[in-house]
PDB file of N, CA and C in Angstrom:
ATOM      1  N   PHE A   1      51.743 -22.844 -36.608  1.00  0.00           N
ATOM      2  CA  PHE A   1      50.839 -22.311 -37.578  1.00  0.00           C
ATOM      3  C   PHE A   1      51.243 -22.472 -38.940  1.00  0.00           C
ATOM      4  N   THR A   2      52.308 -23.666 -38.900  1.00  0.00           N
ATOM      5  CA  THR A   2      52.506 -24.350 -40.587  1.00  0.00           C
ATOM      6  C   THR A   2      51.322 -24.764 -41.306  1.00  0.00           C
ATOM      7  N   VAL A   3      50.492 -25.434 -40.241  1.00  0.00           N
ATOM      8  CA  VAL A   3      49.268 -26.356 -40.795  1.00  0.00           C
ATOM      9  C   VAL A   3      48.278 -24.982 -41.601  1.00  0.00           C
ATOM     10  N   LEU A   4      48.250 -23.978 -41.170  1.00  0.00           N
ATOM     11  CA  LEU A   4      47.449 -22.807 -41.901  1.00  0.00           C
ATOM     12  C   LEU A   4      48.485 -22.448 -43.075  1.00  0.00           C
ATOM     13  N   LEU A   5      49.627 -22.400 -43.141  1.00  0.00           N
ATOM     14  CA  LEU A   5      50.561 -22.076 -44.192  1.00  0.00           C
ATOM     15  C   LEU A   5      50.074 -23.325 -45.304  1.00  0.00           C
ATOM     16  N   SER A   6      50.461 -24.434 -44.973  1.00  0.00           N
ATOM     17  CA  SER A   6      50.189 -25.132 -45.874  1.00  0.00           C
ATOM     18  C   SER A   6      48.923 -25.228 -46.552  1.00  0.00           C
ATOM     19  N   TYR A   7      47.716 -25.173 -45.655  1.00  0.00           N
ATOM     20  CA  TYR A   7      46.702 -25.057 -45.985  1.00  0.00           C
ATOM     21  C   TYR A   7      46.343 -24.034 -46.950  1.00  0.00           C
ATOM     22  N   SER A   8      46.644 -22.543 -46.676  1.00  0.00           N
ATOM     23  CA  SER A   8      46.999 -21.684 -47.557  1.00  0.00           C
ATOM     24  C   SER A   8      47.393 -21.905 -48.964  1.00  0.00           C
ATOM     25  N   VAL A   9      48.105 -22.532 -48.859  1.00  0.00           N
ATOM     26  CA  VAL A   9      48.958 -22.772 -50.355  1.00  0.00           C
ATOM     27  C   VAL A   9      47.954 -23.853 -51.044  1.00  0.00           C
ATOM     28  N   GLU A  10      47.550 -24.792 -50.669  1.00  0.00           N
ATOM     29  CA  GLU A  10      46.497 -25.576 -51.107  1.00  0.00           C
ATOM     30  C   GLU A  10      45.233 -24.764 -51.525  1.00  0.00           C
ATOM     31  N   PHE A  11      45.077 -23.930 -50.637  1.00  0.00           N
ATOM     32  CA  PHE A  11      43.528 -23.299 -51.117  1.00  0.00           C
ATOM     33  C   PHE A  11      43.990 -22.499 -52.211  1.00  0.00           C
ATOM     34  N   ARG A  12      45.026 -22.168 -52.175  1.00  0.00           N
ATOM     35  CA  ARG A  12      45.157 -20.936 -53.561  1.00  0.00           C
ATOM     36  C   ARG A  12      45.250 -21.657 -54.699  1.00  0.00           C
ATOM     37  N   THR A  13      45.856 -22.719 -54.535  1.00  0.00           N
ATOM     38  CA  THR A  13      45.768 -23.697 -55.611  1.00  0.00           C
ATOM     39  C   THR A  13      44.566 -23.813 -56.574  1.00  0.00           C
ATOM     40  N   LEU A  14      43.821 -24.670 -55.562  1.00  0.00           N
ATOM     41  CA  LEU A  14      42.158 -24.717 -55.786  1.00  0.00           C
ATOM     42  C   LEU A  14      41.637 -23.713 -55.850  1.00  0.00           C
ATOM     43  N   ALA A  15      41.535 -22.507 -55.413  1.00  0.00           N
ATOM     44  CA  ALA A  15      40.925 -21.193 -55.797  1.00  0.00           C
ATOM     45  C   ALA A  15      41.063 -20.850 -57.294  1.00  0.00           C
ATOM     46  N   ALA A  16      42.711 -21.454 -57.917  1.00  0.00           N
ATOM     47  CA  ALA A  16      42.939 -20.883 -58.941  1.00  0.00           C
ATOM     48  C   ALA A  16      42.247 -21.832 -60.055  1.00  0.00           C
ATOM     49  N   ARG A  17      41.871 -22.928 -59.805  1.00  0.00           N
ATOM     50  CA  ARG A  17      41.332 -23.957 -60.473  1.00  0.00           C
ATOM     51  C   ARG A  17      40.023 -23.845 -60.613  1.00  0.00           C
ATOM     52  N   SER A  18      39.342 -22.932 -59.799  1.00  0.00           N
ATOM     53  CA  SER A  18      37.846 -22.517 -59.400  1.00  0.00           C
ATOM     54  C   SER A  18      37.292 -21.829 -60.490  1.00  0.00           C
ATOM     55  N   SER A  19      35.991 -21.623 -60.625  1.00  0.00           N
ATOM     56  CA  SER A  19      35.506 -20.326 -61.391  1.00  0.00           C
ATOM     57  C   SER A  19      34.604 -19.651 -60.384  1.00  0.00           C
ATOM     58  N   TRP A  20      35.106 -19.758 -59.157  1.00  0.00           N
ATOM     59  CA  TRP A  20      34.440 -18.959 -58.203  1.00  0.00           C
ATOM     60  C   TRP A  20      35.043 -17.480 -58.019  1.00  0.00           C
ATOM     61  N   ASN A  21      34.281 -16.562 -57.596  1.00  0.00           N
ATOM     62  CA  ASN A  21      34.400 -15.454 -57.820  1.00  0.00           C
ATOM     63  C   ASN A  21      35.160 -14.804 -56.057  1.00  0.00           C
ATOM     64  N   GLU A  22      35.788 -13.823 -56.247  1.00  0.00           N
ATOM     65  CA  GLU A  22      36.500 -13.623 -55.111  1.00  0.00           C
ATOM     66  C   GLU A  22      35.650 -13.454 -53.701  1.00  0.00           C
ATOM     67  N   GLU A  23      34.605 -13.322 -53.899  1.00  0.00           N
ATOM     68  CA  GLU A  23      33.514 -13.004 -52.590  1.00  0.00           C
ATOM     69  C   GLU A  23      33.431 -14.204 -52.206  1.00  0.00           C
ATOM     70  N   ALA A  24      33.108 -15.413 -52.759  1.00  0.00           N
ATOM     71  CA  ALA A  24      32.722 -16.771 -52.643  1.00  0.00           C
ATOM     72  C   ALA A  24      33.885 -17.567 -52.114  1.00  0.00           C
ATOM     73  N   LEU A  25      35.241 -17.035 -52.493  1.00  0.00           N
ATOM     74  CA  LEU A  25      36.551 -17.691 -52.470  1.00  0.00           C
ATOM     75  C   LEU A  25      36.710 -17.188 -50.719  1.00  0.00           C
ATOM     76  N   LEU A  26      36.905 -15.712 -50.482  1.00  0.00           N
ATOM     77  CA  LEU A  26      36.802 -15.037 -49.483  1.00  0.00           C
ATOM     78  C   LEU A  26      35.995 -15.785 -48.036  1.00  0.00           C
ATOM     79  N   ALA A  27      34.631 -15.917 -48.668  1.00  0.00           N
ATOM     80  CA  ALA A  27      33.965 -16.534 -47.674  1.00  0.00           C
ATOM     81  C   ALA A  27      33.958 -17.771 -47.174  1.00  0.00           C
ATOM     82  N   ALA A  28      34.823 -18.647 -48.479  1.00  0.00           N
ATOM     83  CA  ALA A  28      34.897 -20.258 -48.368  1.00  0.00           C
ATOM     84  C   ALA A  28      36.142 -20.001 -47.268  1.00  0.00           C
ATOM     85  N   PHE A  29      36.684 -19.589 -47.551  1.00  0.00           N
ATOM     86  CA  PHE A  29      38.382 -19.525 -46.636  1.00  0.00           C
ATOM     87  C   PHE A  29      38.371 -19.072 -45.328  1.00  0.00           C
ATOM     88  N   THR A  30      37.405 -18.052 -44.985  1.00  0.00           N
ATOM     89  CA  THR A  30      36.875 -17.655 -43.442  1.00  0.00           C
ATOM     90  C   THR A  30      36.274 -18.749 -42.938  1.00  0.00           C
ATOM     91  N   GLU A  31      35.495 -19.317 -43.756  1.00  0.00           N
ATOM     92  CA  GLU A  31      34.738 -20.485 -43.171  1.00  0.00           C
ATOM     93  C   GLU A  31      35.511 -21.872 -42.764  1.00  0.00           C
ATOM     94  N   SER A  32      36.783 -21.700 -43.352  1.00  0.00           N
ATOM     95  CA  SER A  32      37.424 -22.807 -42.933  1.00  0.00           C
ATOM     96  C   SER A  32      38.266 -23.028 -41.977  1.00  0.00           C
ATOM     97  N   LEU A  33      38.676 -21.711 -41.455  1.00  0.00           N
ATOM     98  CA  LEU A  33      39.699 -21.430 -40.641  1.00  0.00           C
ATOM     99  C   LEU A  33      38.888 -21.837 -39.038  1.00  0.00           C
ATOM    100  N   ASN A  34      39.969 -21.967 -37.849  1.00  0.00           N
ATOM    101  CA  ASN A  34      39.387 -22.563 -36.523  1.00  0.00           C
ATOM    102  C   ASN A  34      38.737 -21.293 -36.264  1.00  0.00           C
ATOM    103  N   TYR A  35      37.873 -21.353 -35.239  1.00  0.00           N
ATOM    104  CA  TYR A  35      36.984 -20.346 -35.025  1.00  0.00           C
ATOM    105  C   TYR A  35      37.698 -19.019 -34.142  1.00  0.00           C
ATOM    106  N   GLN A  36      39.075 -19.363 -33.343  1.00  0.00           N
ATOM    107  CA  GLN A  36      39.683 -18.169 -32.693  1.00  0.00           C
ATOM    108  C   GLN A  36      40.449 -17.615 -33.785  1.00  0.00           C
ATOM    109  N   VAL A  37      40.628 -17.623 -34.742  1.00  0.00           N
ATOM    110  CA  VAL A  37      41.509 -16.952 -35.924  1.00  0.00           C
ATOM    111  C   VAL A  37      39.957 -16.289 -36.557  1.00  0.00           C
ATOM    112  N   GLN A  38      38.558 -16.857 -36.705  1.00  0.00           N
ATOM    113  CA  GLN A  38      37.318 -16.220 -37.135  1.00  0.00           C
ATOM    114  C   GLN A  38      37.228 -15.190 -36.381  1.00  0.00           C
ATOM    115  N   ASN A  39      37.676 -15.397 -35.144  1.00  0.00           N
ATOM    116  CA  ASN A  39      37.305 -14.537 -33.702  1.00  0.00           C
ATOM    117  C   ASN A  39      37.776 -13.202 -34.079  1.00  0.00           C
ATOM    118  N   GLN A  40      39.081 -13.336 -34.161  1.00  0.00           N
ATOM    119  CA  GLN A  40      40.247 -12.170 -34.287  1.00  0.00           C
ATOM    120  C   GLN A  40      39.987 -11.583 -35.686  1.00  0.00           C
ATOM    121  N   LEU A  41      39.549 -12.351 -36.853  1.00  0.00           N
ATOM    122  CA  LEU A  41      39.031 -11.558 -38.025  1.00  0.00           C
ATOM    123  C   LEU A  41      37.659 -10.993 -38.156  1.00  0.00           C
ATOM    124  N   ALA A  42      37.080 -10.816 -37.201  1.00  0.00           N
ATOM    125  CA  ALA A  42      35.731 -10.327 -37.203  1.00  0.00           C
ATOM    126  C   ALA A  42      36.222  -8.987 -36.193  1.00  0.00           C
ATOM    127  N   LEU A  43      37.357  -8.570 -36.042  1.00  0.00           N
ATOM    128  CA  LEU A  43      37.621  -7.429 -35.043  1.00  0.00           C
ATOM    129  C   LEU A  43      38.551  -6.743 -36.086  1.00  0.00           C
ATOM    130  N   CYS A  44      38.917  -7.050 -37.279  1.00  0.00           N
ATOM    131  CA  CYS A  44      39.757  -6.391 -38.184  1.00  0.00           C
ATOM    132  C   CYS A  44      38.922  -5.756 -39.398  1.00  0.00           C
ATOM    133  N   PRO A  45      39.493  -5.107 -39.646  1.00  0.00           N
ATOM    134  CA  PRO A  45      39.019  -4.336 -41.116  1.00  0.00           C
ATOM    135  C   PRO A  45      38.822  -5.324 -42.015  1.00  0.00           C
ATOM    136  N   GLN A  46      37.643  -5.743 -43.102  1.00  0.00           N
ATOM    137  CA  GLN A  46      37.310  -6.901 -43.670  1.00  0.00           C
ATOM    138  C   GLN A  46      38.441  -6.757 -45.146  1.00  0.00           C
ATOM    139  N   PRO A  47      39.124  -7.845 -45.039  1.00  0.00           N
ATOM    140  CA  PRO A  47      40.032  -7.774 -46.283  1.00  0.00           C
ATOM    141  C   PRO A  47      39.710  -7.820 -47.951  1.00  0.00           C
ATOM    142  N   GLN A  48      39.985  -7.013 -48.593  1.00  0.00           N
ATOM    143  CA  GLN A  48      39.603  -7.047 -49.800  1.00  0.00           C
ATOM    144  C   GLN A  48      39.593  -8.016 -50.961  1.00  0.00           C
ATOM    145  N   SER A  49      40.764  -8.679 -50.718  1.00  0.00           N
ATOM    146  CA  SER A  49      41.329  -9.881 -51.094  1.00  0.00           C
ATOM    147  C   SER A  49      41.488 -11.065 -50.623  1.00  0.00           C
ATOM    148  N   LEU A  50      41.611 -11.814 -51.485  1.00  0.00           N
ATOM    149  CA  LEU A  50      41.837 -13.615 -50.803  1.00  0.00           C
ATOM    150  C   LEU A  50      43.347 -13.529 -50.315  1.00  0.00           C
ATOM    151  N   GLU A  51      44.302 -12.415 -51.047  1.00  0.00           N
ATOM    152  CA  GLU A  51      45.822 -12.885 -50.655  1.00  0.00           C
ATOM    153  C   GLU A  51      46.169 -11.683 -49.278  1.00  0.00           C
ATOM    154  N   GLU A  52      44.988 -11.023 -49.102  1.00  0.00           N
ATOM    155  CA  GLU A  52      45.227  -9.831 -48.027  1.00  0.00           C
ATOM    156  C   GLU A  52      44.387 -11.233 -46.681  1.00  0.00           C
ATOM    157  N   LEU A  53      43.476 -11.475 -47.021  1.00  0.00           N
ATOM    158  CA  LEU A  53      43.047 -12.224 -46.113  1.00  0.00           C
ATOM    159  C   LEU A  53      43.896 -13.311 -45.647  1.00  0.00           C
ATOM    160  N   ILE A  54      44.526 -14.203 -46.535  1.00  0.00           N
ATOM    161  CA  ILE A  54      45.512 -15.206 -46.036  1.00  0.00           C
ATOM    162  C   ILE A  54      46.709 -14.550 -45.612  1.00  0.00           C
ATOM    163  N   ARG A  55      47.136 -13.656 -45.478  1.00  0.00           N
ATOM    164  CA  ARG A  55      48.559 -12.880 -45.143  1.00  0.00           C
ATOM    165  C   ARG A  55      47.701 -12.463 -43.487  1.00  0.00           C
ATOM    166  N   LEU A  56      46.742 -11.812 -43.469  1.00  0.00           N
ATOM    167  CA  LEU A  56      46.114 -11.435 -42.053  1.00  0.00           C
ATOM    168  C   LEU A  56      45.657 -12.881 -41.180  1.00  0.00           C
ATOM    169  N   ALA A  57      45.400 -13.910 -41.807  1.00  0.00           N
ATOM    170  CA  ALA A  57      44.893 -14.890 -41.068  1.00  0.00           C
ATOM    171  C   ALA A  57      45.868 -15.721 -40.621  1.00  0.00           C
ATOM    172  N   ILE A  58      47.344 -15.747 -41.208  1.00  0.00           N
ATOM    173  CA  ILE A  58      48.313 -16.237 -41.181  1.00  0.00           C
ATOM    174  C   ILE A  58      48.760 -15.481 -39.878  1.00  0.00           C
ATOM    175  N   SER A  59      48.853 -14.338 -40.279  1.00  0.00           N
ATOM    176  CA  SER A  59      49.655 -13.697 -39.089  1.00  0.00           C
ATOM    177  C   SER A  59      48.710 -13.559 -37.595  1.00  0.00           C
ATOM    178  N   ILE A  60      47.559 -13.689 -37.898  1.00  0.00           N
ATOM    179  CA  ILE A  60      46.739 -13.849 -36.438  1.00  0.00           C
ATOM    180  C   ILE A  60      46.823 -15.306 -36.016  1.00  0.00           C
ATOM    181  N   ASP A  61      47.200 -16.398 -36.825  1.00  0.00           N
ATOM    182  CA  ASP A  61      47.273 -17.747 -36.300  1.00  0.00           C
ATOM    183  C   ASP A  61      48.918 -18.006 -35.546  1.00  0.00           C
ATOM    184  N   LYS A  62      49.790 -17.079 -36.077  1.00  0.00           N
ATOM    185  CA  LYS A  62      50.883 -16.955 -35.922  1.00  0.00           C
ATOM    186  C   LYS A  62      51.299 -16.679 -34.346  1.00  0.00           C
ATOM    187  N   HIS A  63      50.562 -15.016 -34.250  1.00  0.00           N
ATOM    188  CA  HIS A  63      50.313 -14.315 -33.032  1.00  0.00           C
ATOM    189  C   HIS A  63      49.675 -15.506 -32.190  1.00  0.00           C
ATOM    190  N   GLN A  64      48.392 -16.049 -32.233  1.00  0.00           N
ATOM    191  CA  GLN A  64      47.982 -16.952 -31.283  1.00  0.00           C
ATOM    192  C   GLN A  64      49.002 -18.280 -30.936  1.00  0.00           C
ATOM    193  N   HIS A  65      49.644 -18.856 -31.952  1.00  0.00           N
ATOM    194  CA  HIS A  65      50.756 -19.863 -31.513  1.00  0.00           C
ATOM    195  C   HIS A  65      51.632 -19.131 -30.395  1.00  0.00           C
ATOM    196  N   GLU A  66      52.283 -18.071 -30.516  1.00  0.00           N
ATOM    197  CA  GLU A  66      53.232 -17.217 -29.850  1.00  0.00           C
ATOM    198  C   GLU A  66      52.722 -17.201 -28.466  1.00  0.00           C
ATOM    199  N   LEU A  67      51.364 -16.686 -28.382  1.00  0.00           N
ATOM    200  CA  LEU A  67      50.941 -16.434 -26.951  1.00  0.00           C
ATOM    201  C   LEU A  67      50.707 -17.668 -26.268  1.00  0.00           C
ATOM    202  N   GLN A  68      50.090 -18.869 -26.776  1.00  0.00           N
ATOM    203  CA  GLN A  68      49.916 -20.199 -26.447  1.00  0.00           C
ATOM    204  C   GLN A  68      51.381 -21.000 -25.892  1.00  0.00           C
ATOM    205  N   TYR A  69      52.311 -20.606 -26.699  1.00  0.00           N
ATOM    206  CA  TYR A  69      53.792 -21.094 -26.455  1.00  0.00           C
ATOM    207  C   TYR A  69      54.231 -20.473 -24.961  1.00  0.00           C
ATOM    208  N   GLN A  70      54.172 -18.724 -24.880  1.00  0.00           N
ATOM    209  CA  GLN A  70      54.509 -18.382 -23.914  1.00  0.00           C
ATOM    210  C   GLN A  70      53.655 -18.562 -22.700  1.00  0.00           C
ATOM    211  N   ASN A  71      52.168 -19.130 -22.766  1.00  0.00           N
ATOM    212  CA  ASN A  71      51.713 -19.538 -21.485  1.00  0.00           C
ATOM    213  C   ASN A  71      52.006 -20.549 -21.184  1.00  0.00           C
ATOM    214  N   SER A  72      52.335 -21.921 -22.258  1.00  0.00           N
ATOM    215  CA  SER A  72      52.722 -22.736 -21.808  1.00  0.00           C
ATOM    216  C   SER A  72      54.124 -22.858 -20.913  1.00  0.00           C
ATOM    217  N   SER A  73      54.757 -22.063 -21.285  1.00  0.00           N
ATOM    218  CA  SER A  73      56.350 -22.130 -20.743  1.00  0.00           C
ATOM    219  C   SER A  73      56.456 -21.289 -19.322  1.00  0.00           C
ATOM    220  N   THR A  74      55.520 -20.442 -19.177  1.00  0.00           N
ATOM    221  CA  THR A  74      55.101 -20.193 -18.067  1.00  0.00           C
ATOM    222  C   THR A  74      55.588 -21.193 -16.748  1.00  0.00           C
ATOM    223  N   ARG A  75      56.275 -20.814 -15.678  1.00  0.00           N
ATOM    224  CA  ARG A  75      56.414 -21.925 -14.958  1.00  0.00           C
ATOM    225  C   ARG A  75      55.729 -21.633 -13.903  1.00  0.00           C
ATOM    226  N   THR A  76      55.430 -22.679 -13.256  1.00  0.00           N
ATOM    227  CA  THR A  76      54.130 -23.101 -12.309  1.00  0.00           C
ATOM    228  C   THR A  76      55.030 -23.586 -10.933  1.00  0.00           C
ATOM    229  N   PHE A  77      54.489 -23.328 -10.028  1.00  0.00           N
ATOM    230  CA  PHE A  77      54.877 -23.628  -8.720  1.00  0.00           C
ATOM    231  C   PHE A  77      54.166 -24.644  -7.568  1.00  0.00           C
ATOM    232  N   PRO A  78      55.096 -25.634  -7.364  1.00  0.00           N
ATOM    233  CA  PRO A  78      54.087 -26.769  -6.885  1.00  0.00           C
ATOM    234  C   PRO A  78      53.335 -26.142  -5.440  1.00  0.00           C
ATOM    235  N   THR A  79      52.082 -26.395  -5.209  1.00  0.00           N
ATOM    236  CA  THR A  79      51.259 -26.230  -3.899  1.00  0.00           C
ATOM    237  C   THR A  79      51.738 -27.113  -3.019  1.00  0.00           C
ATOM    238  N   PRO A  80      51.540 -26.639  -1.532  1.00  0.00           N
ATOM    239  CA  PRO A  80      52.206 -27.479  -0.616  1.00  0.00           C
ATOM    240  C   PRO A  80      51.013 -28.654  -0.298  1.00  0.00           C
ATOM    241  N   ASP A  81      51.227 -29.769   0.344  1.00  0.00           N
ATOM    242  CA  ASP A  81      50.199 -30.892   0.357  1.00  0.00           C
ATOM    243  C   ASP A  81      49.993 -31.099   1.751  1.00  0.00           C
ATOM    244  N   HIS A  82      48.571 -30.379   1.644  1.00  0.00           N
ATOM    245  CA  HIS A  82      47.789 -30.527   2.941  1.00  0.00           C
ATOM    246  C   HIS A  82      47.176 -31.711   3.623  1.00  0.00           C
ATOM    247  N   HIS A  83      47.323 -32.898   2.582  1.00  0.00           N
ATOM    248  CA  HIS A  83      46.744 -33.878   2.778  1.00  0.00           C
ATOM    249  C   HIS A  83      47.857 -34.929   3.711  1.00  0.00           C
ATOM    250  N   HIS A  84      47.547 -35.603   4.803  1.00  0.00           N
ATOM    251  CA  HIS A  84      48.619 -36.374   5.825  1.00  0.00           C
ATOM    252  C   HIS A  84      47.730 -37.584   5.788  1.00  0.00           C
ATOM    253  N   GLU A  85      48.564 -38.874   5.755  1.00  0.00           N
ATOM    254  CA  GLU A  85      48.064 -40.125   5.830  1.00  0.00           C
ATOM    255  C   GLU A  85      47.575 -40.235   7.532  1.00  0.00           C
ATOM    256  N   SER A  86      46.715 -41.008   7.603  1.00  0.00           N
ATOM    257  CA  SER A  86      46.429 -41.027   8.857  1.00  0.00           C
ATOM    258  C   SER A  86      47.356 -41.211   9.836  1.00  0.00           C
ATOM    259  N   GLY A  87      47.424 -41.327  11.081  1.00  0.00           N
ATOM    260  CA  GLY A  87      48.250 -41.483  12.168  1.00  0.00           C
ATOM    261  C   GLY A  87      49.504 -40.669  12.181  1.00  0.00           C
ATOM    262  N   THR A  88      49.717 -40.009  10.900  1.00  0.00           N
ATOM    263  CA  THR A  88      50.678 -38.652  10.981  1.00  0.00           C
ATOM    264  C   THR A  88      50.397 -37.731  11.328  1.00  0.00           C
ATOM    265  N   ARG A  89      51.489 -36.693  11.711  1.00  0.00           N
ATOM    266  CA  ARG A  89      50.750 -35.136  12.145  1.00  0.00           C
ATOM    267  C   ARG A  89      51.383 -34.223  11.616  1.00  0.00           C
ATOM    268  N   PRO A  90      50.946 -33.305  11.126  1.00  0.00           N
ATOM    269  CA  PRO A  90      51.720 -32.043  10.442  1.00  0.00           C
ATOM    270  C   PRO A  90      52.832 -31.693  11.450  1.00  0.00           C
ATOM    271  N   SER A  91      53.903 -30.934  10.929  1.00  0.00           N
ATOM    272  CA  SER A  91      54.942 -30.586  11.796  1.00  0.00           C
ATOM    273  C   SER A  91      54.508 -29.122  12.509  1.00  0.00           C
ATOM    274  N   ALA A  92      54.890 -29.168  13.792  1.00  0.00           N
ATOM    275  CA  ALA A  92      54.344 -28.133  14.639  1.00  0.00           C
ATOM    276  C   ALA A  92      54.406 -26.525  13.873  1.00  0.00           C
ATOM    277  N   GLU A  93      55.922 -26.614  12.786  1.00  0.00           N
ATOM    278  CA  GLU A  93      55.783 -25.112  12.214  1.00  0.00           C
ATOM    279  C   GLU A  93      55.475 -25.486  10.953  1.00  0.00           C
ATOM    280  N   PRO A  94      54.416 -24.812  10.221  1.00  0.00           N
ATOM    281  CA  PRO A  94      54.300 -24.747   8.810  1.00  0.00           C
ATOM    282  C   PRO A  94      55.565 -24.386   7.802  1.00  0.00           C
ATOM    283  N   THR A  95      55.735 -25.007   6.772  1.00  0.00           N
ATOM    284  CA  THR A  95      56.551 -24.649   5.912  1.00  0.00           C
ATOM    285  C   THR A  95      56.070 -23.750   5.104  1.00  0.00           C
ATOM    286  N   ILE A  96      57.198 -22.628   5.055  1.00  0.00           N
ATOM    287  CA  ILE A  96      57.233 -21.366   4.382  1.00  0.00           C
ATOM    288  C   ILE A  96      57.374 -21.843   2.903  1.00  0.00           C
ATOM    289  N   MET A  97      56.772 -21.494   2.041  1.00  0.00           N
ATOM    290  CA  MET A  97      57.076 -21.425   0.729  1.00  0.00           C
ATOM    291  C   MET A  97      57.587 -20.231   0.435  1.00  0.00           C
ATOM    292  N   GLU A  98      58.659 -19.878  -0.679  1.00  0.00           N
ATOM    293  CA  GLU A  98      58.940 -18.727  -1.135  1.00  0.00           C
ATOM    294  C   GLU A  98      58.163 -18.546  -2.388  1.00  0.00           C
ATOM    295  N   GLU A  99      57.706 -16.940  -2.498  1.00  0.00           N
ATOM    296  CA  GLU A  99      57.134 -16.863  -3.591  1.00  0.00           C
ATOM    297  C   GLU A  99      57.628 -16.008  -4.495  1.00  0.00           C
ATOM    298  N   PRO A 100      57.747 -16.461  -5.683  1.00  0.00           N
ATOM    299  CA  PRO A 100      58.171 -16.030  -6.960  1.00  0.00           C
ATOM    300  C   PRO A 100      58.468 -14.366  -6.819  1.00  0.00           C
ATOM    301  N   MET A 101      59.218 -13.984  -7.628  1.00  0.00           N
ATOM    302  CA  MET A 101      59.113 -12.295  -7.690  1.00  0.00           C
ATOM    303  C   MET A 101      58.331 -12.216  -8.876  1.00  0.00           C
ATOM    304  N   GLN A 102      57.466 -10.869  -9.054  1.00  0.00           N
ATOM    305  CA  GLN A 102      56.865 -10.588  -9.859  1.00  0.00           C
ATOM    306  C   GLN A 102      57.268 -10.268 -11.074  1.00  0.00           C
ATOM    307  N   MET A 103      57.729 -10.297 -11.922  1.00  0.00           N
ATOM    308  CA  MET A 103      58.212  -9.703 -13.051  1.00  0.00           C
ATOM    309  C   MET A 103      57.322  -9.634 -14.311  1.00  0.00           C
ATOM    310  N   GLY A 104      57.470  -8.368 -14.963  1.00  0.00           N
ATOM    311  CA  GLY A 104      56.579  -7.922 -15.943  1.00  0.00           C
ATOM    312  C   GLY A 104      55.435  -8.014 -15.980  1.00  0.00           C
ATOM    313  N   ARG A 105      54.801  -8.434 -16.889  1.00  0.00           N
ATOM    314  CA  ARG A 105      53.452  -8.772 -16.850  1.00  0.00           C
ATOM    315  C   ARG A 105      52.518 -10.359 -17.509  1.00  0.00           C
ATOM    316  N   ALA A 106      53.459 -11.115 -17.058  1.00  0.00           N
ATOM    317  CA  ALA A 106      53.225 -12.728 -17.376  1.00  0.00           C
ATOM    318  C   ALA A 106      51.637 -12.929 -17.074  1.00  0.00           C
ATOM    319  N   ARG A 107      51.177 -13.659 -17.926  1.00  0.00           N
ATOM    320  CA  ARG A 107      49.746 -14.140 -17.657  1.00  0.00           C
ATOM    321  C   ARG A 107      49.849 -15.546 -16.651  1.00  0.00           C
ATOM    322  N   LEU A 108      48.806 -15.938 -15.881  1.00  0.00           N
ATOM    323  CA  LEU A 108      49.140 -16.793 -14.907  1.00  0.00           C
ATOM    324  C   LEU A 108      48.277 -18.183 -15.675  1.00  0.00           C
ATOM    325  N   SER A 109      48.844 -19.379 -15.733  1.00  0.00           N
ATOM    326  CA  SER A 109      48.250 -20.470 -16.353  1.00  0.00           C
ATOM    327  C   SER A 109      47.017 -21.081 -15.484  1.00  0.00           C
ATOM    328  N   ARG A 110      46.027 -21.512 -16.103  1.00  0.00           N
ATOM    329  CA  ARG A 110      44.746 -21.807 -15.634  1.00  0.00           C
ATOM    330  C   ARG A 110      44.886 -22.576 -13.807  1.00  0.00           C
ATOM    331  N   GLU A 111      45.811 -23.515 -14.067  1.00  0.00           N
ATOM    332  CA  GLU A 111      46.014 -23.590 -12.601  1.00  0.00           C
ATOM    333  C   GLU A 111      46.557 -22.906 -11.447  1.00  0.00           C
ATOM    334  N   GLU A 112      47.532 -22.162 -12.317  1.00  0.00           N
ATOM    335  CA  GLU A 112      47.997 -20.963 -11.273  1.00  0.00           C
ATOM    336  C   GLU A 112      46.950 -20.017 -10.735  1.00  0.00           C
ATOM    337  N   ARG A 113      46.049 -19.872 -11.726  1.00  0.00           N
ATOM    338  CA  ARG A 113      44.877 -18.871 -11.476  1.00  0.00           C
ATOM    339  C   ARG A 113      43.827 -19.186 -10.480  1.00  0.00           C
ATOM    340  N   SER A 114      43.308 -20.613 -10.331  1.00  0.00           N
ATOM    341  CA  SER A 114      42.386 -21.477  -9.547  1.00  0.00           C
ATOM    342  C   SER A 114      42.987 -21.661  -8.569  1.00  0.00           C
ATOM    343  N   HIS A 115      44.535 -21.713  -8.492  1.00  0.00           N
ATOM    344  CA  HIS A 115      44.987 -21.939  -7.243  1.00  0.00           C
ATOM    345  C   HIS A 115      45.056 -20.722  -6.191  1.00  0.00           C
ATOM    346  N   ARG A 116      45.179 -19.726  -6.981  1.00  0.00           N
ATOM    347  CA  ARG A 116      45.017 -18.419  -6.217  1.00  0.00           C
ATOM    348  C   ARG A 116      43.594 -17.971  -5.843  1.00  0.00           C
ATOM    349  N   ILE A 117      42.651 -18.709  -6.178  1.00  0.00           N
ATOM    350  CA  ILE A 117      41.552 -18.325  -6.242  1.00  0.00           C
ATOM    351  C   ILE A 117      41.039 -18.620  -4.713  1.00  0.00           C
TER     352      ILE A 117
END
């Protein structure tokens, strides 16, 4: 989220030097944001000032990075190998894999979700 924070400082500097009105600055800043932040902003009441928009965008960006971090740190468990080299046989008893305890409402990674489907 430091990229957006740095960008917002630069944008404020350029905005102070420009002759653009508040509406033009709001539009320019919004259009410069990544689509994920823009999508979340569309769900919020429209900010009335550039400062309000910047604070809201930084808050959304920070929240998205926290979610990405949580999702990437979710532990994934290896899947059993069902492929055997020719000439080898699987053991008579299937290997039992322990199931992790379900704690809280952690989201599944894409790999885990596709594995379960």
